Amino acid sequence: MKLYVYALISAFVVLAATAAPAFLQNDPKRPVADIARDLGITADQFVACFNGVTPAPRGSKPTDDQVHANKQHLLSCLQQANPSITNEKLDAVMDKYRPSS
């Protein structure tokens, strides 16, 4: 019986882990693993850098100053993980995974 329960729990964990892509807590609509792969870094590196970004409240647009500050933080952090990441590359990857709504 214990073996059956263990197998069932293990199957559930595997299914839950593979059922949907991981998303950022403060930007829940973008797939972290895909973005990280496209930038040539790990998902953990991307999450660590993105944690310093402050998205605009839902339903509002960020000010130019907020956009600049977030971009400056994110790009400089990502470049520490992969110096080949350019502003243009970051824009292209983030636009590729930008939520439609």
PDB file of N, CA and C in Angstrom:
ATOM      1  N   MET A   1       0.819  -1.193   0.000  1.00  0.00           N
ATOM      2  CA  MET A   1       0.000   0.000   0.000  1.00  0.00           C
ATOM      3  C   MET A   1       0.863   1.259   0.000  1.00  0.00           C
ATOM      4  N   LYS A   2       1.930   1.277   0.826  1.00  0.00           N
ATOM      5  CA  LYS A   2       2.808   2.438   0.873  1.00  0.00           C
ATOM      6  C   LYS A   2       3.452   2.682  -0.484  1.00  0.00           C
ATOM      7  N   LEU A   3       3.864   1.615  -1.150  1.00  0.00           N
ATOM      8  CA  LEU A   3       4.492   1.748  -2.460  1.00  0.00           C
ATOM      9  C   LEU A   3       3.510   2.344  -3.465  1.00  0.00           C
ATOM     10  N   TYR A   4       2.266   1.923  -3.406  1.00  0.00           N
ATOM     11  CA  TYR A   4       1.234   2.440  -4.303  1.00  0.00           C
ATOM     12  C   TYR A   4       1.026   3.939  -4.066  1.00  0.00           C
ATOM     13  N   VAL A   5       0.936   4.353  -2.822  1.00  0.00           N
ATOM     14  CA  VAL A   5       0.743   5.762  -2.487  1.00  0.00           C
ATOM     15  C   VAL A   5       1.949   6.575  -2.940  1.00  0.00           C
ATOM     16  N   TYR A   6       3.145   6.064  -2.712  1.00  0.00           N
ATOM     17  CA  TYR A   6       4.361   6.747  -3.139  1.00  0.00           C
ATOM     18  C   TYR A   6       4.370   6.918  -4.655  1.00  0.00           C
ATOM     19  N   ALA A   7       4.020   5.866  -5.386  1.00  0.00           N
ATOM     20  CA  ALA A   7       3.993   5.931  -6.847  1.00  0.00           C
ATOM     21  C   ALA A   7       2.956   6.941  -7.324  1.00  0.00           C
ATOM     22  N   LEU A   8       1.814   6.968  -6.682  1.00  0.00           N
ATOM     23  CA  LEU A   8       0.758   7.900  -7.050  1.00  0.00           C
ATOM     24  C   LEU A   8       1.188   9.345  -6.802  1.00  0.00           C
ATOM     25  N   ILE A   9       1.800   9.597  -5.668  1.00  0.00           N
ATOM     26  CA  ILE A   9       2.285  10.946  -5.351  1.00  0.00           C
ATOM     27  C   ILE A   9       3.378  11.355  -6.327  1.00  0.00           C
ATOM     28  N   SER A  10       4.293  10.452  -6.620  1.00  0.00           N
ATOM     29  CA  SER A  10       5.370  10.749  -7.560  1.00  0.00           C
ATOM     30  C   SER A  10       4.814  11.088  -8.937  1.00  0.00           C
ATOM     31  N   ALA A  11       3.837  10.332  -9.384  1.00  0.00           N
ATOM     32  CA  ALA A  11       3.227  10.587 -10.688  1.00  0.00           C
ATOM     33  C   ALA A  11       2.544  11.950 -10.707  1.00  0.00           C
ATOM     34  N   PHE A  12       1.878  12.298  -9.621  1.00  0.00           N
ATOM     35  CA  PHE A  12       1.213  13.592  -9.536  1.00  0.00           C
ATOM     36  C   PHE A  12       2.223  14.730  -9.600  1.00  0.00           C
ATOM     37  N   VAL A  13       3.329  14.606  -8.884  1.00  0.00           N
ATOM     38  CA  VAL A  13       4.362  15.644  -8.875  1.00  0.00           C
ATOM     39  C   VAL A  13       4.934  15.826 -10.270  1.00  0.00           C
ATOM     40  N   VAL A  14       5.243  14.734 -10.948  1.00  0.00           N
ATOM     41  CA  VAL A  14       5.785  14.815 -12.304  1.00  0.00           C
ATOM     42  C   VAL A  14       4.767  15.458 -13.236  1.00  0.00           C
ATOM     43  N   LEU A  15       3.534  15.060 -13.145  1.00  0.00           N
ATOM     44  CA  LEU A  15       2.485  15.624 -13.986  1.00  0.00           C
ATOM     45  C   LEU A  15       2.313  17.114 -13.723  1.00  0.00           C
ATOM     46  N   ALA A  16       2.297  17.499 -12.485  1.00  0.00           N
ATOM     47  CA  ALA A  16       2.133  18.913 -12.137  1.00  0.00           C
ATOM     48  C   ALA A  16       3.314  19.739 -12.623  1.00  0.00           C
ATOM     49  N   ALA A  17       4.497  19.183 -12.550  1.00  0.00           N
ATOM     50  CA  ALA A  17       5.696  19.914 -12.959  1.00  0.00           C
ATOM     51  C   ALA A  17       5.771  20.094 -14.467  1.00  0.00           C
ATOM     52  N   THR A  18       5.195  19.174 -15.216  1.00  0.00           N
ATOM     53  CA  THR A  18       5.290  19.247 -16.667  1.00  0.00           C
ATOM     54  C   THR A  18       4.013  19.750 -17.328  1.00  0.00           C
ATOM     55  N   ALA A  19       2.970  19.947 -16.580  1.00  0.00           N
ATOM     56  CA  ALA A  19       1.682  20.317 -17.159  1.00  0.00           C
ATOM     57  C   ALA A  19       1.659  21.738 -17.696  1.00  0.00           C
ATOM     58  N   ALA A  20       2.353  22.647 -17.054  1.00  0.00           N
ATOM     59  CA  ALA A  20       2.329  24.037 -17.484  1.00  0.00           C
ATOM     60  C   ALA A  20       3.700  24.653 -17.268  1.00  0.00           C
ATOM     61  N   PRO A  21       4.066  25.610 -18.124  1.00  0.00           N
ATOM     62  CA  PRO A  21       5.365  26.248 -17.941  1.00  0.00           C
ATOM     63  C   PRO A  21       5.391  27.095 -16.677  1.00  0.00           C
ATOM     64  N   ALA A  22       6.582  27.286 -16.130  1.00  0.00           N
ATOM     65  CA  ALA A  22       6.729  28.125 -14.941  1.00  0.00           C
ATOM     66  C   ALA A  22       6.592  29.587 -15.338  1.00  0.00           C
ATOM     67  N   PHE A  23       5.953  30.359 -14.497  1.00  0.00           N
ATOM     68  CA  PHE A  23       5.775  31.773 -14.750  1.00  0.00           C
ATOM     69  C   PHE A  23       6.332  32.559 -13.576  1.00  0.00           C
ATOM     70  N   LEU A  24       6.673  33.818 -13.844  1.00  0.00           N
ATOM     71  CA  LEU A  24       7.175  34.687 -12.794  1.00  0.00           C
ATOM     72  C   LEU A  24       6.037  35.142 -11.899  1.00  0.00           C
ATOM     73  N   GLN A  25       6.337  35.261 -10.623  1.00  0.00           N
ATOM     74  CA  GLN A  25       5.317  35.699  -9.672  1.00  0.00           C
ATOM     75  C   GLN A  25       4.855  37.121  -9.976  1.00  0.00           C
ATOM     76  N   ASN A  26       5.793  38.010 -10.339  1.00  0.00           N
ATOM     77  CA  ASN A  26       5.405  39.397 -10.580  1.00  0.00           C
ATOM     78  C   ASN A  26       5.129  39.686 -12.057  1.00  0.00           C
ATOM     79  N   ASP A  27       5.127  38.675 -12.911  1.00  0.00           N
ATOM     80  CA  ASP A  27       4.745  38.805 -14.316  1.00  0.00           C
ATOM     81  C   ASP A  27       4.251  37.436 -14.756  1.00  0.00           C
ATOM     82  N   PRO A  28       3.087  37.027 -14.271  1.00  0.00           N
ATOM     83  CA  PRO A  28       2.657  35.637 -14.372  1.00  0.00           C
ATOM     84  C   PRO A  28       2.301  35.129 -15.756  1.00  0.00           C
ATOM     85  N   LYS A  29       2.349  35.963 -16.766  1.00  0.00           N
ATOM     86  CA  LYS A  29       1.922  35.496 -18.075  1.00  0.00           C
ATOM     87  C   LYS A  29       3.072  35.144 -19.014  1.00  0.00           C
ATOM     88  N   ARG A  30       4.299  35.251 -18.579  1.00  0.00           N
ATOM     89  CA  ARG A  30       5.427  34.944 -19.461  1.00  0.00           C
ATOM     90  C   ARG A  30       6.137  33.672 -19.009  1.00  0.00           C
ATOM     91  N   PRO A  31       6.453  32.799 -19.952  1.00  0.00           N
ATOM     92  CA  PRO A  31       7.118  31.538 -19.613  1.00  0.00           C
ATOM     93  C   PRO A  31       8.615  31.732 -19.355  1.00  0.00           C
ATOM     94  N   VAL A  32       9.013  31.558 -18.125  1.00  0.00           N
ATOM     95  CA  VAL A  32      10.386  31.798 -17.694  1.00  0.00           C
ATOM     96  C   VAL A  32      11.396  30.941 -18.455  1.00  0.00           C
ATOM     97  N   ALA A  33      11.142  29.655 -18.557  1.00  0.00           N
ATOM     98  CA  ALA A  33      12.112  28.754 -19.189  1.00  0.00           C
ATOM     99  C   ALA A  33      12.350  29.124 -20.648  1.00  0.00           C
ATOM    100  N   ASP A  34      11.304  29.497 -21.355  1.00  0.00           N
ATOM    101  CA  ASP A  34      11.449  29.866 -22.766  1.00  0.00           C
ATOM    102  C   ASP A  34      12.239  31.163 -22.922  1.00  0.00           C
ATOM    103  N   ILE A  35      11.936  32.136 -22.098  1.00  0.00           N
ATOM    104  CA  ILE A  35      12.656  33.407 -22.152  1.00  0.00           C
ATOM    105  C   ILE A  35      14.129  33.188 -21.833  1.00  0.00           C
ATOM    106  N   ALA A  36      14.393  32.455 -20.766  1.00  0.00           N
ATOM    107  CA  ALA A  36      15.778  32.192 -20.363  1.00  0.00           C
ATOM    108  C   ALA A  36      16.538  31.472 -21.470  1.00  0.00           C
ATOM    109  N   ARG A  37      15.913  30.467 -22.060  1.00  0.00           N
ATOM    110  CA  ARG A  37      16.562  29.717 -23.145  1.00  0.00           C
ATOM    111  C   ARG A  37      16.918  30.650 -24.304  1.00  0.00           C
ATOM    112  N   ASP A  38      15.982  31.515 -24.687  1.00  0.00           N
ATOM    113  CA  ASP A  38      16.230  32.432 -25.799  1.00  0.00           C
ATOM    114  C   ASP A  38      17.331  33.442 -25.483  1.00  0.00           C
ATOM    115  N   LEU A  39      17.517  33.746 -24.199  1.00  0.00           N
ATOM    116  CA  LEU A  39      18.574  34.679 -23.797  1.00  0.00           C
ATOM    117  C   LEU A  39      19.900  33.978 -23.519  1.00  0.00           C
ATOM    118  N   GLY A  40      19.897  32.657 -23.514  1.00  0.00           N
ATOM    119  CA  GLY A  40      21.131  31.911 -23.268  1.00  0.00           C
ATOM    120  C   GLY A  40      21.547  31.902 -21.809  1.00  0.00           C
ATOM    121  N   ILE A  41      20.563  31.911 -20.913  1.00  0.00           N
ATOM    122  CA  ILE A  41      20.835  31.859 -19.476  1.00  0.00           C
ATOM    123  C   ILE A  41      19.914  30.819 -18.854  1.00  0.00           C
ATOM    124  N   THR A  42      20.082  30.583 -17.556  1.00  0.00           N
ATOM    125  CA  THR A  42      19.197  29.643 -16.872  1.00  0.00           C
ATOM    126  C   THR A  42      17.934  30.367 -16.409  1.00  0.00           C
ATOM    127  N   ALA A  43      16.907  29.594 -16.159  1.00  0.00           N
ATOM    128  CA  ALA A  43      15.662  30.165 -15.638  1.00  0.00           C
ATOM    129  C   ALA A  43      15.903  30.834 -14.289  1.00  0.00           C
ATOM    130  N   ASP A  44      16.746  30.230 -13.457  1.00  0.00           N
ATOM    131  CA  ASP A  44      17.051  30.824 -12.146  1.00  0.00           C
ATOM    132  C   ASP A  44      17.724  32.183 -12.296  1.00  0.00           C
ATOM    133  N   GLN A  45      18.623  32.308 -13.276  1.00  0.00           N
ATOM    134  CA  GLN A  45      19.285  33.591 -13.503  1.00  0.00           C
ATOM    135  C   GLN A  45      18.269  34.645 -13.943  1.00  0.00           C
ATOM    136  N   PHE A  46      17.361  34.260 -14.824  1.00  0.00           N
ATOM    137  CA  PHE A  46      16.352  35.212 -15.281  1.00  0.00           C
ATOM    138  C   PHE A  46      15.447  35.649 -14.134  1.00  0.00           C
ATOM    139  N   VAL A  47      15.005  34.695 -13.343  1.00  0.00           N
ATOM    140  CA  VAL A  47      14.132  35.018 -12.206  1.00  0.00           C
ATOM    141  C   VAL A  47      14.845  35.955 -11.237  1.00  0.00           C
ATOM    142  N   ALA A  48      16.110  35.679 -10.943  1.00  0.00           N
ATOM    143  CA  ALA A  48      16.866  36.529 -10.020  1.00  0.00           C
ATOM    144  C   ALA A  48      16.944  37.958 -10.545  1.00  0.00           C
ATOM    145  N   CYS A  49      17.178  38.110 -11.840  1.00  0.00           N
ATOM    146  CA  CYS A  49      17.249  39.452 -12.420  1.00  0.00           C
ATOM    147  C   CYS A  49      15.878  40.116 -12.459  1.00  0.00           C
ATOM    148  N   PHE A  50      14.855  39.355 -12.802  1.00  0.00           N
ATOM    149  CA  PHE A  50      13.517  39.927 -12.931  1.00  0.00           C
ATOM    150  C   PHE A  50      12.924  40.314 -11.584  1.00  0.00           C
ATOM    151  N   ASN A  51      13.418  39.740 -10.510  1.00  0.00           N
ATOM    152  CA  ASN A  51      12.897  40.087  -9.185  1.00  0.00           C
ATOM    153  C   ASN A  51      13.091  41.560  -8.852  1.00  0.00           C
ATOM    154  N   GLY A  52      14.046  42.216  -9.491  1.00  0.00           N
ATOM    155  CA  GLY A  52      14.268  43.639  -9.254  1.00  0.00           C
ATOM    156  C   GLY A  52      13.416  44.544 -10.121  1.00  0.00           C
ATOM    157  N   VAL A  53      12.600  43.956 -10.988  1.00  0.00           N
ATOM    158  CA  VAL A  53      11.733  44.724 -11.880  1.00  0.00           C
ATOM    159  C   VAL A  53      10.392  44.962 -11.195  1.00  0.00           C
ATOM    160  N   THR A  54       9.866  46.163 -11.364  1.00  0.00           N
ATOM    161  CA  THR A  54       8.575  46.506 -10.777  1.00  0.00           C
ATOM    162  C   THR A  54       7.577  46.790 -11.899  1.00  0.00           C
ATOM    163  N   PRO A  55       6.774  45.800 -12.283  1.00  0.00           N
ATOM    164  CA  PRO A  55       5.787  46.033 -13.344  1.00  0.00           C
ATOM    165  C   PRO A  55       4.736  47.060 -12.912  1.00  0.00           C
ATOM    166  N   ALA A  56       4.152  47.722 -13.903  1.00  0.00           N
ATOM    167  CA  ALA A  56       3.068  48.668 -13.617  1.00  0.00           C
ATOM    168  C   ALA A  56       1.872  47.890 -13.087  1.00  0.00           C
ATOM    169  N   PRO A  57       1.067  48.528 -12.261  1.00  0.00           N
ATOM    170  CA  PRO A  57      -0.134  47.846 -11.763  1.00  0.00           C
ATOM    171  C   PRO A  57      -1.012  47.388 -12.931  1.00  0.00           C
ATOM    172  N   ARG A  58      -1.695  46.292 -12.721  1.00  0.00           N
ATOM    173  CA  ARG A  58      -2.553  45.718 -13.767  1.00  0.00           C
ATOM    174  C   ARG A  58      -3.530  46.778 -14.288  1.00  0.00           C
ATOM    175  N   GLY A  59      -3.606  46.873 -15.607  1.00  0.00           N
ATOM    176  CA  GLY A  59      -4.523  47.817 -16.224  1.00  0.00           C
ATOM    177  C   GLY A  59      -3.942  49.202 -16.441  1.00  0.00           C
ATOM    178  N   SER A  60      -2.673  49.397 -16.067  1.00  0.00           N
ATOM    179  CA  SER A  60      -2.052  50.704 -16.278  1.00  0.00           C
ATOM    180  C   SER A  60      -0.750  50.538 -17.043  1.00  0.00           C
ATOM    181  N   LYS A  61      -0.307  51.633 -17.610  1.00  0.00           N
ATOM    182  CA  LYS A  61       0.964  51.628 -18.333  1.00  0.00           C
ATOM    183  C   LYS A  61       2.026  52.257 -17.439  1.00  0.00           C
ATOM    184  N   PRO A  62       3.263  51.729 -17.510  1.00  0.00           N
ATOM    185  CA  PRO A  62       4.333  52.317 -16.702  1.00  0.00           C
ATOM    186  C   PRO A  62       4.741  53.679 -17.266  1.00  0.00           C
ATOM    187  N   THR A  63       5.266  54.516 -16.399  1.00  0.00           N
ATOM    188  CA  THR A  63       5.795  55.800 -16.852  1.00  0.00           C
ATOM    189  C   THR A  63       7.102  55.547 -17.590  1.00  0.00           C
ATOM    190  N   ASP A  64       7.557  56.541 -18.338  1.00  0.00           N
ATOM    191  CA  ASP A  64       8.832  56.406 -19.044  1.00  0.00           C
ATOM    192  C   ASP A  64       9.974  56.158 -18.062  1.00  0.00           C
ATOM    193  N   ASP A  65       9.920  56.820 -16.907  1.00  0.00           N
ATOM    194  CA  ASP A  65      10.959  56.623 -15.892  1.00  0.00           C
ATOM    195  C   ASP A  65      10.949  55.193 -15.353  1.00  0.00           C
ATOM    196  N   GLN A  66       9.755  54.633 -15.142  1.00  0.00           N
ATOM    197  CA  GLN A  66       9.656  53.246 -14.667  1.00  0.00           C
ATOM    198  C   GLN A  66      10.205  52.275 -15.707  1.00  0.00           C
ATOM    199  N   VAL A  67       9.856  52.500 -16.965  1.00  0.00           N
ATOM    200  CA  VAL A  67      10.348  51.641 -18.047  1.00  0.00           C
ATOM    201  C   VAL A  67      11.869  51.686 -18.088  1.00  0.00           C
ATOM    202  N   HIS A  68      12.426  52.878 -18.023  1.00  0.00           N
ATOM    203  CA  HIS A  68      13.883  53.038 -18.085  1.00  0.00           C
ATOM    204  C   HIS A  68      14.565  52.364 -16.892  1.00  0.00           C
ATOM    205  N   ALA A  69      14.046  52.589 -15.698  1.00  0.00           N
ATOM    206  CA  ALA A  69      14.654  51.995 -14.498  1.00  0.00           C
ATOM    207  C   ALA A  69      14.579  50.470 -14.536  1.00  0.00           C
ATOM    208  N   ASN A  70      13.428  49.931 -14.912  1.00  0.00           N
ATOM    209  CA  ASN A  70      13.284  48.471 -15.000  1.00  0.00           C
ATOM    210  C   ASN A  70      14.217  47.891 -16.053  1.00  0.00           C
ATOM    211  N   LYS A  71      14.274  48.542 -17.200  1.00  0.00           N
ATOM    212  CA  LYS A  71      15.118  48.051 -18.293  1.00  0.00           C
ATOM    213  C   LYS A  71      16.593  48.105 -17.897  1.00  0.00           C
ATOM    214  N   GLN A  72      16.998  49.185 -17.269  1.00  0.00           N
ATOM    215  CA  GLN A  72      18.391  49.330 -16.847  1.00  0.00           C
ATOM    216  C   GLN A  72      18.767  48.225 -15.859  1.00  0.00           C
ATOM    217  N   HIS A  73      17.900  47.986 -14.896  1.00  0.00           N
ATOM    218  CA  HIS A  73      18.172  46.936 -13.913  1.00  0.00           C
ATOM    219  C   HIS A  73      18.232  45.567 -14.577  1.00  0.00           C
ATOM    220  N   LEU A  74      17.218  45.248 -15.364  1.00  0.00           N
ATOM    221  CA  LEU A  74      17.127  43.925 -15.973  1.00  0.00           C
ATOM    222  C   LEU A  74      18.290  43.669 -16.921  1.00  0.00           C
ATOM    223  N   LEU A  75      18.589  44.602 -17.800  1.00  0.00           N
ATOM    224  CA  LEU A  75      19.657  44.398 -18.776  1.00  0.00           C
ATOM    225  C   LEU A  75      21.016  44.254 -18.105  1.00  0.00           C
ATOM    226  N   SER A  76      21.324  45.111 -17.142  1.00  0.00           N
ATOM    227  CA  SER A  76      22.640  45.013 -16.494  1.00  0.00           C
ATOM    228  C   SER A  76      22.781  43.703 -15.729  1.00  0.00           C
ATOM    229  N   CYS A  77      21.722  43.253 -15.096  1.00  0.00           N
ATOM    230  CA  CYS A  77      21.762  41.977 -14.374  1.00  0.00           C
ATOM    231  C   CYS A  77      21.916  40.806 -15.345  1.00  0.00           C
ATOM    232  N   LEU A  78      21.130  40.815 -16.423  1.00  0.00           N
ATOM    233  CA  LEU A  78      21.208  39.729 -17.403  1.00  0.00           C
ATOM    234  C   LEU A  78      22.576  39.669 -18.069  1.00  0.00           C
ATOM    235  N   GLN A  79      23.185  40.823 -18.311  1.00  0.00           N
ATOM    236  CA  GLN A  79      24.505  40.855 -18.940  1.00  0.00           C
ATOM    237  C   GLN A  79      25.587  40.286 -18.032  1.00  0.00           C
ATOM    238  N   GLN A  80      25.354  40.290 -16.733  1.00  0.00           N
ATOM    239  CA  GLN A  80      26.299  39.629 -15.833  1.00  0.00           C
ATOM    240  C   GLN A  80      26.244  38.122 -16.030  1.00  0.00           C
ATOM    241  N   ALA A  81      25.065  37.612 -16.357  1.00  0.00           N
ATOM    242  CA  ALA A  81      24.907  36.177 -16.608  1.00  0.00           C
ATOM    243  C   ALA A  81      25.352  35.810 -18.016  1.00  0.00           C
ATOM    244  N   ASN A  82      25.110  36.692 -18.974  1.00  0.00           N
ATOM    245  CA  ASN A  82      25.490  36.448 -20.365  1.00  0.00           C
ATOM    246  C   ASN A  82      25.813  37.792 -21.011  1.00  0.00           C
ATOM    247  N   PRO A  83      27.103  38.142 -21.098  1.00  0.00           N
ATOM    248  CA  PRO A  83      27.505  39.444 -21.635  1.00  0.00           C
ATOM    249  C   PRO A  83      27.067  39.700 -23.078  1.00  0.00           C
ATOM    250  N   SER A  84      26.677  38.668 -23.805  1.00  0.00           N
ATOM    251  CA  SER A  84      26.277  38.873 -25.203  1.00  0.00           C
ATOM    252  C   SER A  84      24.840  39.370 -25.347  1.00  0.00           C
ATOM    253  N   ILE A  85      24.099  39.468 -24.249  1.00  0.00           N
ATOM    254  CA  ILE A  85      22.724  39.977 -24.320  1.00  0.00           C
ATOM    255  C   ILE A  85      22.775  41.484 -24.558  1.00  0.00           C
ATOM    256  N   THR A  86      22.153  41.908 -25.647  1.00  0.00           N
ATOM    257  CA  THR A  86      22.080  43.330 -25.979  1.00  0.00           C
ATOM    258  C   THR A  86      20.682  43.851 -25.666  1.00  0.00           C
ATOM    259  N   ASN A  87      20.547  45.161 -25.694  1.00  0.00           N
ATOM    260  CA  ASN A  87      19.246  45.783 -25.504  1.00  0.00           C
ATOM    261  C   ASN A  87      18.265  45.283 -26.572  1.00  0.00           C
ATOM    262  N   GLU A  88      18.745  45.190 -27.804  1.00  0.00           N
ATOM    263  CA  GLU A  88      17.897  44.742 -28.903  1.00  0.00           C
ATOM    264  C   GLU A  88      17.460  43.292 -28.710  1.00  0.00           C
ATOM    265  N   LYS A  89      18.376  42.440 -28.269  1.00  0.00           N
ATOM    266  CA  LYS A  89      18.046  41.028 -28.034  1.00  0.00           C
ATOM    267  C   LYS A  89      17.016  40.909 -26.910  1.00  0.00           C
ATOM    268  N   LEU A  90      17.223  41.639 -25.833  1.00  0.00           N
ATOM    269  CA  LEU A  90      16.277  41.604 -24.718  1.00  0.00           C
ATOM    270  C   LEU A  90      14.892  42.052 -25.175  1.00  0.00           C
ATOM    271  N   ASP A  91      14.835  43.151 -25.937  1.00  0.00           N
ATOM    272  CA  ASP A  91      13.544  43.626 -26.444  1.00  0.00           C
ATOM    273  C   ASP A  91      12.863  42.569 -27.306  1.00  0.00           C
ATOM    274  N   ALA A  92      13.627  41.947 -28.203  1.00  0.00           N
ATOM    275  CA  ALA A  92      13.055  40.950 -29.113  1.00  0.00           C
ATOM    276  C   ALA A  92      12.493  39.757 -28.346  1.00  0.00           C
ATOM    277  N   VAL A  93      13.241  39.272 -27.369  1.00  0.00           N
ATOM    278  CA  VAL A  93      12.790  38.108 -26.604  1.00  0.00           C
ATOM    279  C   VAL A  93      11.581  38.465 -25.744  1.00  0.00           C
ATOM    280  N   MET A  94      11.630  39.590 -25.061  1.00  0.00           N
ATOM    281  CA  MET A  94      10.506  39.964 -24.206  1.00  0.00           C
ATOM    282  C   MET A  94       9.251  40.239 -25.041  1.00  0.00           C
ATOM    283  N   ASP A  95       9.415  40.855 -26.217  1.00  0.00           N
ATOM    284  CA  ASP A  95       8.264  41.090 -27.092  1.00  0.00           C
ATOM    285  C   ASP A  95       7.675  39.781 -27.594  1.00  0.00           C
ATOM    286  N   LYS A  96       8.543  38.816 -27.865  1.00  0.00           N
ATOM    287  CA  LYS A  96       8.089  37.506 -28.349  1.00  0.00           C
ATOM    288  C   LYS A  96       7.132  36.853 -27.351  1.00  0.00           C
ATOM    289  N   TYR A  97       7.387  37.045 -26.067  1.00  0.00           N
ATOM    290  CA  TYR A  97       6.579  36.409 -25.026  1.00  0.00           C
ATOM    291  C   TYR A  97       5.655  37.382 -24.296  1.00  0.00           C
ATOM    292  N   ARG A  98       5.484  38.581 -24.859  1.00  0.00           N
ATOM    293  CA  ARG A  98       4.615  39.576 -24.215  1.00  0.00           C
ATOM    294  C   ARG A  98       3.165  39.092 -24.250  1.00  0.00           C
ATOM    295  N   PRO A  99       2.479  39.168 -23.120  1.00  0.00           N
ATOM    296  CA  PRO A  99       1.069  38.753 -23.105  1.00  0.00           C
ATOM    297  C   PRO A  99       0.248  39.626 -24.056  1.00  0.00           C
ATOM    298  N   SER A 100      -0.732  39.047 -24.674  1.00  0.00           N
ATOM    299  CA  SER A 100      -1.550  39.796 -25.633  1.00  0.00           C
ATOM    300  C   SER A 100      -2.543  40.726 -24.954  1.00  0.00           C
ATOM    301  N   SER A 101      -2.828  40.478 -23.690  1.00  0.00           N
ATOM    302  CA  SER A 101      -3.793  41.348 -22.990  1.00  0.00           C
ATOM    303  C   SER A 101      -3.151  42.039 -21.827  1.00  0.00           C
TER     304      SER A 101
END
